[in-house]
């Protein structure tokens, strides 16, 4: 596939994600998708594999975070790699704490499917928003 076709596939993926269309998202990923979110001390961090792993990730996200804004702002592509530069705002449901996050996704597209996603996010801001206050009852 051409670089431009890969960009269009990634744009369709984000449109499905932000439109809440999980079925369309899953149709655009390979069966063996690998989604890596670095970090510790927040629920989404880790390596998520396969469609089941992606489904678990999406479920965890909807249960733990409330996004008020998330948008890709720029797409940069070369061959099978598409970098997406974006911004998000929201809050962690358990703590009620807000976060702001400038992010980059590095996405590999092969044969018309997303095969690998690595998020580069502000893990400190997200971990801080997920951290319970010691004075707050559990």
Protein backbone atom coordinates (compact mmCIF):
# COMPACT_ATOMS: atom_id res chain seq x y z
CA UNK A 1 0.00 0.00 0.00
CA UNK A 2 1.11 3.55 -0.56
CA UNK A 3 2.10 5.91 2.22
CA UNK A 4 -1.01 8.00 1.56
CA UNK A 5 -3.24 4.90 1.78
CA UNK A 6 -1.63 4.07 5.13
CA UNK A 7 -2.41 7.58 6.38
CA UNK A 8 -6.03 7.20 5.27
CA UNK A 9 -6.32 3.89 7.15
CA UNK A 10 -4.94 5.51 10.32
CA UNK A 11 -7.33 8.46 9.91
CA UNK A 12 -10.22 6.01 9.57
CA UNK A 13 -9.05 4.24 12.74
CA UNK A 14 -9.05 7.51 14.71
CA UNK A 15 -12.43 8.51 13.26
CA UNK A 16 -13.85 5.18 14.45
CA UNK A 17 -12.19 5.54 17.85
CA UNK A 18 -13.44 9.06 18.47
CA UNK A 19 -16.84 8.15 17.04
CA UNK A 20 -17.16 5.27 19.50
CA UNK A 21 -17.37 2.65 16.73
CA UNK A 22 -15.42 -0.29 18.18
CA UNK A 23 -16.48 -2.62 15.39
CA UNK A 24 -14.95 -0.30 12.77
CA UNK A 25 -11.79 0.04 14.89
CA UNK A 26 -11.40 -3.72 15.18
CA UNK A 27 -11.92 -4.11 11.43
CA UNK A 28 -8.86 -1.90 10.84
CA UNK A 29 -6.44 -3.80 13.09
CA UNK A 30 -4.55 -7.02 12.44
CA UNK A 31 -5.47 -10.09 14.46
CA UNK A 32 -2.04 -9.92 16.14
CA UNK A 33 -2.07 -6.16 16.84
CA UNK A 34 0.39 -5.03 19.50
CA UNK A 35 -0.40 -1.81 21.40
CA UNK A 36 2.30 -0.57 23.77
CA UNK A 37 1.63 2.12 26.36
CA UNK A 38 4.71 2.80 28.48
CA UNK A 39 4.52 3.76 32.11
CA UNK A 40 3.63 2.56 35.56
CA UNK A 41 1.07 3.44 38.19
CA UNK A 42 -1.85 3.96 35.84
CA UNK A 43 -4.34 1.46 34.47
CA UNK A 44 -3.61 1.65 30.73
CA UNK A 45 0.14 1.06 30.87
CA UNK A 46 1.46 -2.17 29.40
CA UNK A 47 1.62 -4.18 26.22
CA UNK A 48 -1.75 -5.21 24.85
CA UNK A 49 -1.79 -7.99 22.23
CA UNK A 50 -4.39 -9.20 19.79
CA UNK A 51 -7.95 -8.08 19.35
CA UNK A 52 -8.79 -9.39 22.82
CA UNK A 53 -6.02 -7.24 24.29
CA UNK A 54 -7.29 -4.22 22.36
CA UNK A 55 -10.83 -4.85 23.58
CA UNK A 56 -9.58 -5.12 27.17
CA UNK A 57 -7.63 -1.87 26.74
CA UNK A 58 -10.69 -0.05 25.40
CA UNK A 59 -12.85 -1.40 28.23
CA UNK A 60 -10.30 -0.33 30.84
CA UNK A 61 -10.07 3.10 29.27
CA UNK A 62 -13.84 3.64 29.31
CA UNK A 63 -14.08 2.39 32.91
CA UNK A 64 -11.21 4.49 34.25
CA UNK A 65 -11.01 7.66 32.17
CA UNK A 66 -13.38 10.31 30.94
CA UNK A 67 -12.11 12.11 27.86
CA UNK A 68 -13.45 15.60 27.26
CA UNK A 69 -11.20 16.23 24.26
CA UNK A 70 -8.90 14.02 22.24
CA UNK A 71 -7.82 14.88 18.76
CA UNK A 72 -5.14 13.98 16.29
CA UNK A 73 -3.60 17.19 14.99
CA UNK A 74 -0.95 16.03 12.55
CA UNK A 75 -0.13 12.92 10.51
CA UNK A 76 3.46 12.31 9.43
CA UNK A 77 4.15 9.25 7.31
CA UNK A 78 6.95 7.34 5.67
CA UNK A 79 6.38 3.95 4.06
CA UNK A 80 4.47 1.72 6.54
CA UNK A 81 4.93 4.05 9.53
CA UNK A 82 2.48 6.80 10.44
CA UNK A 83 3.13 9.16 13.35
CA UNK A 84 0.08 10.87 14.76
CA UNK A 85 0.59 13.96 16.92
CA UNK A 86 -2.32 14.86 19.14
CA UNK A 87 -3.69 16.29 22.33
CA UNK A 88 -6.12 15.04 24.98
CA UNK A 89 -7.88 16.37 28.04
CA UNK A 90 -9.92 14.44 30.53
CA UNK A 91 -10.09 13.12 34.05
CA UNK A 92 -9.45 9.88 35.86
CA UNK A 93 -12.81 8.66 37.15
CA UNK A 94 -11.54 7.12 40.41
CA UNK A 95 -9.83 10.31 41.55
CA UNK A 96 -11.75 12.99 39.68
CA UNK A 97 -8.38 14.54 38.83
CA UNK A 98 -7.97 16.19 35.44
CA UNK A 99 -5.11 15.67 33.02
CA UNK A 100 -3.77 17.24 29.86
CA UNK A 101 -1.75 15.09 27.53
CA UNK A 102 0.24 15.88 24.40
CA UNK A 103 0.73 12.54 22.69
CA UNK A 104 2.30 10.83 19.71
CA UNK A 105 1.26 7.45 18.36
CA UNK A 106 3.73 5.56 16.22
CA UNK A 107 1.64 3.22 14.08
CA UNK A 108 2.76 0.52 11.68
CA UNK A 109 0.37 -0.40 8.87
CA UNK A 110 0.80 -3.55 6.80
CA UNK A 111 -1.60 -4.94 4.22
CA UNK A 112 -4.21 -2.34 5.13
CA UNK A 113 -4.27 -3.15 8.86
CA UNK A 114 -2.72 -1.54 11.92
CA UNK A 115 -0.19 -4.06 13.25
CA UNK A 116 1.61 -2.09 15.95
CA UNK A 117 0.85 1.02 17.97
CA UNK A 118 3.23 2.59 20.44
CA UNK A 119 1.93 5.54 22.40
CA UNK A 120 4.23 8.25 23.62
CA UNK A 121 2.16 10.01 26.25
CA UNK A 122 2.77 12.21 29.27
CA UNK A 123 2.89 9.25 31.64
CA UNK A 124 3.72 11.51 34.59
CA UNK A 125 0.58 13.61 34.10
CA UNK A 126 -1.57 10.49 33.74
CA UNK A 127 -0.01 8.73 36.74
CA UNK A 128 -0.43 11.91 38.81
CA UNK A 129 -4.12 12.10 37.84
CA UNK A 130 -4.59 8.41 38.71
CA UNK A 131 -2.88 8.67 42.11
CA UNK A 132 -5.19 8.58 45.08
CA UNK A 133 -4.67 11.23 47.72
CA UNK A 134 -3.44 9.71 50.98
CA UNK A 135 -6.05 11.72 52.87
CA UNK A 136 -8.87 10.40 50.71
CA UNK A 137 -10.72 7.28 51.99
CA UNK A 138 -10.44 4.20 49.79
